[in-house]
Amino acid sequence: MSQPKFHVRRGDTVQVISGNHKGASGKVLEVKAAKEQVIVEGVRMIKKHQRKSQDHPNGAILEREGPIHISNVKLLETVTRDKKPKKAA
């Protein structure tokens, strides 16, 4: 089975084009190919409840980014191999 090809990859700057977070933009932190989702920095912040542990003796409520479907984002800038930002066409 081959790897699916997407229009965005980790490190690219994208903008959300539909949904509750329309207009927001940020850098792609992770691409989840199996579910066709991306995690964008600073977009769709969700609260995650953490159990008591050594790191959090009283438990905690952590805020982190949630996934967005890959069809709801458009590419603004891409990072090439030589690490120079390049605008999308």
Protein backbone atom coordinates (compact mmCIF):
# COMPACT_ATOMS: atom_id res chain seq x y z
CA MET A 1 0.00 0.00 0.00
CA SER A 2 1.42 3.38 -0.97
CA GLN A 3 1.61 6.54 1.11
CA PRO A 4 -1.10 9.11 0.23
CA LYS A 5 0.15 12.44 -1.16
CA PHE A 6 -1.21 15.66 0.35
CA HIS A 7 -0.89 19.35 -0.55
CA VAL A 8 0.62 20.24 2.86
CA ARG A 9 3.46 18.84 4.92
CA ARG A 10 5.01 19.46 8.33
CA GLY A 11 6.48 22.97 8.62
CA ASP A 12 4.27 24.61 5.97
CA THR A 13 2.24 27.72 6.79
CA VAL A 14 -1.46 27.18 6.14
CA GLN A 15 -4.76 29.05 6.49
CA VAL A 16 -8.08 27.49 7.54
CA ILE A 17 -10.64 28.06 4.77
CA SER A 18 -13.79 26.57 6.30
CA GLY A 19 -15.28 25.55 9.62
CA ASN A 20 -15.35 27.21 13.04
CA HIS A 21 -11.74 28.38 12.79
CA LYS A 22 -12.03 29.95 9.32
CA GLY A 23 -9.38 32.61 8.67
CA ALA A 24 -6.91 31.38 11.27
CA SER A 25 -3.42 30.54 10.11
CA GLY A 26 -0.36 28.84 11.52
CA LYS A 27 2.39 26.32 10.98
CA VAL A 28 1.60 22.63 10.44
CA LEU A 29 2.92 20.67 13.43
CA GLU A 30 1.79 17.21 12.36
CA VAL A 31 0.09 15.46 9.44
CA LYS A 32 -2.02 12.40 10.32
CA ALA A 33 -2.18 10.60 6.98
CA ALA A 34 -4.40 7.73 8.13
CA LYS A 35 -7.21 10.08 9.20
CA GLU A 36 -6.44 12.83 6.64
CA GLN A 37 -6.02 15.42 9.39
CA VAL A 38 -3.47 18.10 10.26
CA ILE A 39 -2.57 19.80 13.53
CA VAL A 40 -1.96 23.53 13.07
CA GLU A 41 -0.10 25.63 15.63
CA GLY A 42 -2.49 27.83 17.67
CA VAL A 43 -5.67 26.68 15.87
CA ARG A 44 -8.52 24.65 17.44
CA MET A 45 -7.23 24.77 21.00
CA ILE A 46 -8.87 22.04 23.10
CA LYS A 47 -8.70 21.32 26.81
CA LYS A 48 -7.28 17.95 27.86
CA HIS A 49 -7.84 16.76 31.42
CA GLN A 50 -4.75 15.18 32.96
CA ARG A 51 -4.87 12.61 35.77
CA LYS A 52 -2.83 12.94 38.92
CA SER A 53 0.78 11.94 38.25
CA GLN A 54 4.29 12.75 39.36
CA ASP A 55 4.43 15.65 36.92
CA HIS A 56 0.99 16.97 37.98
CA PRO A 57 0.33 15.95 41.63
CA ASN A 58 -3.11 17.62 41.68
CA GLY A 59 -4.02 16.80 38.10
CA ALA A 60 -4.29 19.51 35.45
CA ILE A 61 -6.25 20.87 32.53
CA LEU A 62 -3.87 21.26 29.60
CA GLU A 63 -4.57 23.24 26.43
CA ARG A 64 -3.32 21.83 23.14
CA GLU A 65 -4.10 21.93 19.43
CA GLY A 66 -6.76 19.64 18.00
CA PRO A 67 -6.86 18.11 14.51
CA ILE A 68 -8.49 19.72 11.45
CA HIS A 69 -9.41 17.89 8.26
CA ILE A 70 -6.80 18.41 5.58
CA SER A 71 -9.38 19.64 3.05
CA ASN A 72 -10.17 22.62 5.30
CA VAL A 73 -6.72 24.19 5.00
CA LYS A 74 -4.95 25.93 2.13
CA LEU A 75 -1.24 26.37 1.66
CA LEU A 76 0.22 29.87 2.19
CA GLU A 77 3.96 29.16 2.32
CA THR A 78 5.90 25.96 1.89
CA VAL A 79 9.28 25.04 3.34
CA THR A 80 11.66 23.69 0.73
CA ARG A 81 14.65 21.44 1.33
CA ASP A 82 17.02 24.40 1.56
CA LYS A 83 14.79 25.84 4.35
CA LYS A 84 13.80 28.98 2.43
CA PRO A 85 10.09 29.87 2.59
CA LYS A 86 8.37 29.80 -0.79
CA LYS A 87 4.94 31.28 -1.51
CA ALA A 88 2.28 28.96 -2.88
CA ALA A 89 0.94 29.63 -6.37
